[in-house]
PDB file of N, CA and C in Angstrom:
ATOM      1  N   MET A   1       0.819  -1.234  -0.013  1.00  0.00           N
ATOM      2  CA  MET A   1      -0.219  -0.185   0.177  1.00  0.00           C
ATOM      3  C   MET A   1       0.825   0.983   0.423  1.00  0.00           C
ATOM      4  N   ILE A   2       1.792   1.285   1.257  1.00  0.00           N
ATOM      5  CA  ILE A   2       2.784   2.455   0.924  1.00  0.00           C
ATOM      6  C   ILE A   2       3.112   2.784  -0.654  1.00  0.00           C
ATOM      7  N   VAL A   3       4.125   1.587  -1.251  1.00  0.00           N
ATOM      8  CA  VAL A   3       4.809   1.796  -2.308  1.00  0.00           C
ATOM      9  C   VAL A   3       4.229   2.595  -3.066  1.00  0.00           C
ATOM     10  N   TYR A   4       2.410   1.972  -2.996  1.00  0.00           N
ATOM     11  CA  TYR A   4       1.737   2.011  -4.278  1.00  0.00           C
ATOM     12  C   TYR A   4       1.217   3.556  -4.301  1.00  0.00           C
ATOM     13  N   LEU A   5       0.694   3.823  -3.430  1.00  0.00           N
ATOM     14  CA  LEU A   5       0.353   5.380  -2.900  1.00  0.00           C
ATOM     15  C   LEU A   5       1.023   6.123  -3.327  1.00  0.00           C
ATOM     16  N   ALA A   6       2.927   6.009  -2.871  1.00  0.00           N
ATOM     17  CA  ALA A   6       4.137   6.740  -3.028  1.00  0.00           C
ATOM     18  C   ALA A   6       3.560   7.158  -4.833  1.00  0.00           C
ATOM     19  N   ARG A   7       3.464   6.365  -5.526  1.00  0.00           N
ATOM     20  CA  ARG A   7       3.667   6.201  -7.133  1.00  0.00           C
ATOM     21  C   ARG A   7       2.937   7.449  -7.404  1.00  0.00           C
ATOM     22  N   HIS A   8       1.687   7.378  -6.958  1.00  0.00           N
ATOM     23  CA  HIS A   8       0.731   8.617  -6.946  1.00  0.00           C
ATOM     24  C   HIS A   8       0.574   9.402  -6.330  1.00  0.00           C
ATOM     25  N   GLY A   9       1.713   9.857  -5.208  1.00  0.00           N
ATOM     26  CA  GLY A   9       2.038  11.384  -5.069  1.00  0.00           C
ATOM     27  C   GLY A   9       1.803  11.296  -3.509  1.00  0.00           C
ATOM     28  N   VAL A  10       0.949   9.998  -3.057  1.00  0.00           N
ATOM     29  CA  VAL A  10       0.732   9.911  -1.811  1.00  0.00           C
ATOM     30  C   VAL A  10       1.423   9.315  -0.799  1.00  0.00           C
ATOM     31  N   GLU A  11       2.230  10.469  -0.276  1.00  0.00           N
ATOM     32  CA  GLU A  11       3.452   9.799   0.757  1.00  0.00           C
ATOM     33  C   GLU A  11       2.773   9.722   2.389  1.00  0.00           C
ATOM     34  N   ASP A  12       3.346   9.501   2.948  1.00  0.00           N
ATOM     35  CA  ASP A  12       3.027   8.780   4.226  1.00  0.00           C
ATOM     36  C   ASP A  12       2.700   9.944   5.050  1.00  0.00           C
ATOM     37  N   GLY A  13       1.562  10.395   6.020  1.00  0.00           N
ATOM     38  CA  GLY A  13       1.579  11.534   6.683  1.00  0.00           C
ATOM     39  C   GLY A  13       0.781  12.848   5.536  1.00  0.00           C
ATOM     40  N   SER A  14       0.260  12.270   4.280  1.00  0.00           N
ATOM     41  CA  SER A  14      -0.520  13.285   3.691  1.00  0.00           C
ATOM     42  C   SER A  14      -2.156  13.205   4.146  1.00  0.00           C
ATOM     43  N   VAL A  15      -2.144  12.298   3.822  1.00  0.00           N
ATOM     44  CA  VAL A  15      -3.445  11.528   3.863  1.00  0.00           C
ATOM     45  C   VAL A  15      -4.113  10.473   4.718  1.00  0.00           C
ATOM     46  N   TYR A  16      -2.842   9.389   5.012  1.00  0.00           N
ATOM     47  CA  TYR A  16      -3.014   8.676   6.103  1.00  0.00           C
ATOM     48  C   TYR A  16      -1.288   8.838   6.709  1.00  0.00           C
ATOM     49  N   THR A  17      -1.741   7.799   7.799  1.00  0.00           N
ATOM     50  CA  THR A  17       0.048   7.664   8.725  1.00  0.00           C
ATOM     51  C   THR A  17      -0.020   5.857   8.863  1.00  0.00           C
ATOM     52  N   HIS A  18       1.732   5.535   8.721  1.00  0.00           N
ATOM     53  CA  HIS A  18       1.878   4.300   9.805  1.00  0.00           C
ATOM     54  C   HIS A  18       2.286   4.247  10.344  1.00  0.00           C
ATOM     55  N   GLY A  19       1.487   4.455  11.653  1.00  0.00           N
ATOM     56  CA  GLY A  19       2.629   4.145  12.231  1.00  0.00           C
ATOM     57  C   GLY A  19       2.356   4.973  13.200  1.00  0.00           C
ATOM     58  N   GLY A  20       2.266   6.226  12.738  1.00  0.00           N
ATOM     59  CA  GLY A  20       2.415   7.617  13.307  1.00  0.00           C
ATOM     60  C   GLY A  20       1.326   8.474  14.034  1.00  0.00           C
ATOM     61  N   LEU A  21       1.583   9.841  14.128  1.00  0.00           N
ATOM     62  CA  LEU A  21       0.578  10.784  14.296  1.00  0.00           C
ATOM     63  C   LEU A  21       0.797  11.347  13.152  1.00  0.00           C
ATOM     64  N   GLY A  22      -0.573  11.843  12.746  1.00  0.00           N
ATOM     65  CA  GLY A  22      -0.747  12.830  11.394  1.00  0.00           C
ATOM     66  C   GLY A  22      -1.027  14.085  12.059  1.00  0.00           C
ATOM     67  N   GLY A  23      -0.332  15.261  10.524  1.00  0.00           N
ATOM     68  CA  GLY A  23       0.162  16.599  10.721  1.00  0.00           C
ATOM     69  C   GLY A  23      -1.531  17.244  11.149  1.00  0.00           C
ATOM     70  N   GLY A  24      -2.765  16.575  11.510  1.00  0.00           N
ATOM     71  CA  GLY A  24      -4.182  16.691  11.962  1.00  0.00           C
ATOM     72  C   GLY A  24      -4.901  15.265  11.951  1.00  0.00           C
ATOM     73  N   GLU A  25      -5.777  16.206  11.918  1.00  0.00           N
ATOM     74  CA  GLU A  25      -7.376  14.393  11.269  1.00  0.00           C
ATOM     75  C   GLU A  25      -6.816  13.652  10.750  1.00  0.00           C
ATOM     76  N   ILE A  26      -6.429  12.362  10.752  1.00  0.00           N
ATOM     77  CA  ILE A  26      -6.070  11.483   9.396  1.00  0.00           C
ATOM     78  C   ILE A  26      -5.904   9.791   9.909  1.00  0.00           C
ATOM     79  N   ASP A  27      -6.673   9.158   9.316  1.00  0.00           N
ATOM     80  CA  ASP A  27      -6.498   7.916   9.398  1.00  0.00           C
ATOM     81  C   ASP A  27      -5.159   7.257   9.490  1.00  0.00           C
ATOM     82  N   GLY A  28      -5.023   5.975  10.324  1.00  0.00           N
ATOM     83  CA  GLY A  28      -3.227   5.261  10.822  1.00  0.00           C
ATOM     84  C   GLY A  28      -3.720   3.738  10.277  1.00  0.00           C
ATOM     85  N   ILE A  29      -2.723   3.422   9.973  1.00  0.00           N
ATOM     86  CA  ILE A  29      -2.329   2.378  10.351  1.00  0.00           C
ATOM     87  C   ILE A  29      -1.294   1.179  11.082  1.00  0.00           C
ATOM     88  N   GLU A  30      -0.996   0.482  11.427  1.00  0.00           N
ATOM     89  CA  GLU A  30      -0.076   0.111  12.666  1.00  0.00           C
ATOM     90  C   GLU A  30      -0.363  -1.612  13.001  1.00  0.00           C
ATOM     91  N   GLN A  31       1.156  -1.803  13.022  1.00  0.00           N
ATOM     92  CA  GLN A  31       1.202  -3.419  13.720  1.00  0.00           C
ATOM     93  C   GLN A  31       1.861  -3.317  14.951  1.00  0.00           C
ATOM     94  N   ILE A  32       0.659  -3.740  16.140  1.00  0.00           N
ATOM     95  CA  ILE A  32       1.443  -3.721  17.370  1.00  0.00           C
ATOM     96  C   ILE A  32       1.641  -5.733  17.661  1.00  0.00           C
ATOM     97  N   ASP A  33       2.632  -5.996  17.934  1.00  0.00           N
ATOM     98  CA  ASP A  33       2.776  -7.464  18.344  1.00  0.00           C
ATOM     99  C   ASP A  33       1.990  -8.234  17.520  1.00  0.00           C
ATOM    100  N   GLY A  34       2.173  -8.433  15.944  1.00  0.00           N
ATOM    101  CA  GLY A  34       1.580  -8.774  15.281  1.00  0.00           C
ATOM    102  C   GLY A  34       0.311  -8.479  14.806  1.00  0.00           C
ATOM    103  N   VAL A  35       0.016  -8.288  15.754  1.00  0.00           N
ATOM    104  CA  VAL A  35      -2.188  -7.498  15.239  1.00  0.00           C
ATOM    105  C   VAL A  35      -2.048  -6.241  14.835  1.00  0.00           C
ATOM    106  N   TRP A  36      -3.427  -6.549  13.686  1.00  0.00           N
ATOM    107  CA  TRP A  36      -2.763  -5.258  12.604  1.00  0.00           C
ATOM    108  C   TRP A  36      -4.257  -3.883  13.069  1.00  0.00           C
ATOM    109  N   TYR A  37      -4.244  -3.316  13.642  1.00  0.00           N
ATOM    110  CA  TYR A  37      -5.064  -1.323  13.887  1.00  0.00           C
ATOM    111  C   TYR A  37      -4.968  -0.902  12.701  1.00  0.00           C
ATOM    112  N   THR A  38      -6.441  -0.016  13.011  1.00  0.00           N
ATOM    113  CA  THR A  38      -6.608   1.274  12.191  1.00  0.00           C
ATOM    114  C   THR A  38      -7.110   2.049  13.957  1.00  0.00           C
ATOM    115  N   TYR A  39      -6.363   3.478  12.687  1.00  0.00           N
ATOM    116  CA  TYR A  39      -7.284   4.188  14.311  1.00  0.00           C
ATOM    117  C   TYR A  39      -7.418   5.482  13.125  1.00  0.00           C
ATOM    118  N   PHE A  40      -7.477   6.443  14.194  1.00  0.00           N
ATOM    119  CA  PHE A  40      -7.823   7.786  13.831  1.00  0.00           C
ATOM    120  C   PHE A  40      -7.051   8.509  14.760  1.00  0.00           C
ATOM    121  N   SER A  41      -6.010   9.652  14.189  1.00  0.00           N
ATOM    122  CA  SER A  41      -5.262  10.386  14.399  1.00  0.00           C
ATOM    123  C   SER A  41      -5.658  11.811  14.519  1.00  0.00           C
ATOM    124  N   GLU A  42      -5.666  12.443  16.013  1.00  0.00           N
ATOM    125  CA  GLU A  42      -6.537  14.105  16.283  1.00  0.00           C
ATOM    126  C   GLU A  42      -5.997  13.954  17.236  1.00  0.00           C
ATOM    127  N   ARG A  43      -5.507  15.556  17.158  1.00  0.00           N
ATOM    128  CA  ARG A  43      -5.330  16.361  18.946  1.00  0.00           C
ATOM    129  C   ARG A  43      -3.627  15.421  19.488  1.00  0.00           C
ATOM    130  N   GLY A  44      -3.159  14.902  18.254  1.00  0.00           N
ATOM    131  CA  GLY A  44      -2.135  14.155  18.875  1.00  0.00           C
ATOM    132  C   GLY A  44      -1.758  12.932  19.979  1.00  0.00           C
ATOM    133  N   LYS A  45      -3.193  12.280  19.219  1.00  0.00           N
ATOM    134  CA  LYS A  45      -3.451  10.966  19.993  1.00  0.00           C
ATOM    135  C   LYS A  45      -3.772  10.062  18.816  1.00  0.00           C
ATOM    136  N   LYS A  46      -3.788   9.106  18.920  1.00  0.00           N
ATOM    137  CA  LYS A  46      -4.322   7.578  18.107  1.00  0.00           C
ATOM    138  C   LYS A  46      -5.621   7.099  19.053  1.00  0.00           C
ATOM    139  N   ASN A  47      -7.012   7.736  18.521  1.00  0.00           N
ATOM    140  CA  ASN A  47      -8.132   7.537  18.589  1.00  0.00           C
ATOM    141  C   ASN A  47      -8.367   6.122  17.752  1.00  0.00           C
ATOM    142  N   TYR A  48     -10.000   5.647  18.589  1.00  0.00           N
ATOM    143  CA  TYR A  48     -10.905   4.683  18.119  1.00  0.00           C
ATOM    144  C   TYR A  48     -10.163   3.592  17.240  1.00  0.00           C
ATOM    145  N   TYR A  49      -9.183   3.038  17.598  1.00  0.00           N
ATOM    146  CA  TYR A  49      -8.229   1.852  17.750  1.00  0.00           C
ATOM    147  C   TYR A  49      -9.392   0.648  16.752  1.00  0.00           C
ATOM    148  N   ARG A  50      -9.142  -0.002  15.963  1.00  0.00           N
ATOM    149  CA  ARG A  50     -10.042  -1.257  15.414  1.00  0.00           C
ATOM    150  C   ARG A  50      -8.917  -2.225  15.375  1.00  0.00           C
ATOM    151  N   LYS A  51      -9.409  -2.953  15.901  1.00  0.00           N
ATOM    152  CA  LYS A  51      -8.538  -4.510  15.499  1.00  0.00           C
ATOM    153  C   LYS A  51      -9.047  -5.107  14.247  1.00  0.00           C
ATOM    154  N   TRP A  52      -8.027  -5.735  13.590  1.00  0.00           N
ATOM    155  CA  TRP A  52      -8.038  -6.828  12.267  1.00  0.00           C
ATOM    156  C   TRP A  52      -7.299  -7.389  11.980  1.00  0.00           C
ATOM    157  N   PRO A  53      -8.450  -9.269  11.728  1.00  0.00           N
ATOM    158  CA  PRO A  53      -7.348 -10.494  11.169  1.00  0.00           C
ATOM    159  C   PRO A  53      -6.072 -10.214  11.033  1.00  0.00           C
ATOM    160  N   ASP A  54      -5.789  -9.625   9.955  1.00  0.00           N
ATOM    161  CA  ASP A  54      -4.485  -9.387   9.007  1.00  0.00           C
ATOM    162  C   ASP A  54      -4.632  -8.276   8.365  1.00  0.00           C
ATOM    163  N   GLU A  55      -3.545  -8.312   8.173  1.00  0.00           N
ATOM    164  CA  GLU A  55      -2.976  -6.488   7.308  1.00  0.00           C
ATOM    165  C   GLU A  55      -3.621  -6.648   5.978  1.00  0.00           C
ATOM    166  N   ALA A  56      -4.143  -7.570   5.173  1.00  0.00           N
ATOM    167  CA  ALA A  56      -5.208  -7.235   4.597  1.00  0.00           C
ATOM    168  C   ALA A  56      -6.337  -6.683   4.717  1.00  0.00           C
ATOM    169  N   ALA A  57      -6.873  -6.966   5.242  1.00  0.00           N
ATOM    170  CA  ALA A  57      -7.789  -6.574   6.120  1.00  0.00           C
ATOM    171  C   ALA A  57      -8.009  -5.256   6.801  1.00  0.00           C
ATOM    172  N   ALA A  58      -7.197  -4.755   7.609  1.00  0.00           N
ATOM    173  CA  ALA A  58      -6.705  -3.823   7.612  1.00  0.00           C
ATOM    174  C   ALA A  58      -6.102  -2.120   7.077  1.00  0.00           C
ATOM    175  N   VAL A  59      -5.645  -3.461   5.697  1.00  0.00           N
ATOM    176  CA  VAL A  59      -4.760  -2.214   4.374  1.00  0.00           C
ATOM    177  C   VAL A  59      -6.660  -2.404   3.407  1.00  0.00           C
ATOM    178  N   SER A  60      -7.455  -2.999   3.521  1.00  0.00           N
ATOM    179  CA  SER A  60      -8.788  -3.409   2.597  1.00  0.00           C
ATOM    180  C   SER A  60      -9.455  -1.724   3.015  1.00  0.00           C
ATOM    181  N   TYR A  61      -9.160  -1.743   4.054  1.00  0.00           N
ATOM    182  CA  TYR A  61     -10.419  -0.640   4.920  1.00  0.00           C
ATOM    183  C   TYR A  61      -9.568   0.511   4.575  1.00  0.00           C
ATOM    184  N   ILE A  62      -7.647   0.931   4.993  1.00  0.00           N
ATOM    185  CA  ILE A  62      -7.322   1.882   5.179  1.00  0.00           C
ATOM    186  C   ILE A  62      -6.989   2.429   3.580  1.00  0.00           C
ATOM    187  N   PHE A  63      -6.779   1.732   2.575  1.00  0.00           N
ATOM    188  CA  PHE A  63      -6.116   2.319   1.361  1.00  0.00           C
ATOM    189  C   PHE A  63      -7.361   3.374   0.699  1.00  0.00           C
ATOM    190  N   PRO A  64      -8.491   2.305   0.556  1.00  0.00           N
ATOM    191  CA  PRO A  64      -9.907   3.510  -0.296  1.00  0.00           C
ATOM    192  C   PRO A  64     -10.083   4.809   0.602  1.00  0.00           C
ATOM    193  N   ARG A  65      -9.805   4.631   1.608  1.00  0.00           N
ATOM    194  CA  ARG A  65     -10.001   5.956   2.232  1.00  0.00           C
ATOM    195  C   ARG A  65      -8.999   6.471   2.009  1.00  0.00           C
ATOM    196  N   ALA A  66      -7.595   6.326   2.143  1.00  0.00           N
ATOM    197  CA  ALA A  66      -6.544   7.084   1.517  1.00  0.00           C
ATOM    198  C   ALA A  66      -6.632   7.711  -0.023  1.00  0.00           C
ATOM    199  N   VAL A  67      -6.747   6.767  -1.073  1.00  0.00           N
ATOM    200  CA  VAL A  67      -7.697   7.205  -1.822  1.00  0.00           C
ATOM    201  C   VAL A  67      -8.083   8.090  -2.854  1.00  0.00           C
ATOM    202  N   ASP A  68      -9.213   7.629  -1.898  1.00  0.00           N
ATOM    203  CA  ASP A  68     -10.168   9.083  -1.922  1.00  0.00           C
ATOM    204  C   ASP A  68      -9.757  11.018  -0.806  1.00  0.00           C
ATOM    205  N   LEU A  69      -9.558  10.380  -0.346  1.00  0.00           N
ATOM    206  CA  LEU A  69      -8.801  11.736   0.261  1.00  0.00           C
ATOM    207  C   LEU A  69      -7.473  12.636  -0.825  1.00  0.00           C
ATOM    208  N   ALA A  70      -6.794  11.851  -1.144  1.00  0.00           N
ATOM    209  CA  ALA A  70      -5.704  12.618  -1.921  1.00  0.00           C
ATOM    210  C   ALA A  70      -6.538  12.198  -2.946  1.00  0.00           C
ATOM    211  N   LYS A  71      -7.631  11.633  -3.743  1.00  0.00           N
ATOM    212  CA  LYS A  71      -8.217  12.842  -4.923  1.00  0.00           C
ATOM    213  C   LYS A  71      -8.707  14.269  -4.701  1.00  0.00           C
ATOM    214  N   HIS A  72      -9.504  13.938  -3.465  1.00  0.00           N
ATOM    215  CA  HIS A  72     -10.686  14.814  -3.140  1.00  0.00           C
ATOM    216  C   HIS A  72      -9.677  16.268  -3.296  1.00  0.00           C
ATOM    217  N   TYR A  73      -8.136  16.106  -2.423  1.00  0.00           N
ATOM    218  CA  TYR A  73      -7.636  16.779  -2.113  1.00  0.00           C
ATOM    219  C   TYR A  73      -6.566  17.298  -2.930  1.00  0.00           C
ATOM    220  N   GLY A  74      -6.611  16.776  -4.523  1.00  0.00           N
ATOM    221  CA  GLY A  74      -5.998  17.254  -5.239  1.00  0.00           C
ATOM    222  C   GLY A  74      -4.263  16.325  -5.527  1.00  0.00           C
ATOM    223  N   ILE A  75      -4.118  15.879  -4.802  1.00  0.00           N
ATOM    224  CA  ILE A  75      -2.415  14.898  -4.564  1.00  0.00           C
ATOM    225  C   ILE A  75      -2.422  14.160  -5.207  1.00  0.00           C
ATOM    226  N   TRP A  76      -3.465  13.502  -5.540  1.00  0.00           N
ATOM    227  CA  TRP A  76      -3.534  11.723  -6.350  1.00  0.00           C
ATOM    228  C   TRP A  76      -2.725  12.136  -8.040  1.00  0.00           C
ATOM    229  N   THR A  77      -1.639  11.469  -8.532  1.00  0.00           N
ATOM    230  CA  THR A  77      -1.540  12.038  -9.866  1.00  0.00           C
ATOM    231  C   THR A  77      -1.492  10.397  -9.746  1.00  0.00           C
ATOM    232  N   GLU A  78      -1.476  10.211 -11.517  1.00  0.00           N
ATOM    233  CA  GLU A  78      -1.400   9.247 -12.500  1.00  0.00           C
ATOM    234  C   GLU A  78      -0.542   8.626 -12.786  1.00  0.00           C
TER     235      GLU A  78
END
């Protein structure tokens, strides 16, 4: 996901974050002790953690959201 998004001009921290905190309100994805989670980063905190059965499921949730936001903000390049 990270490589694919980067190929389209979408860098970590722009409309999603991988394990970090965003520069505003942003979706995040991370692995903790072998378990994949998604969350919403806001006001310097990770909130609304959601546990997923595997990486593919977590990516399936985050990926389309990142693509939609990147296109909405004009970040997406073909």
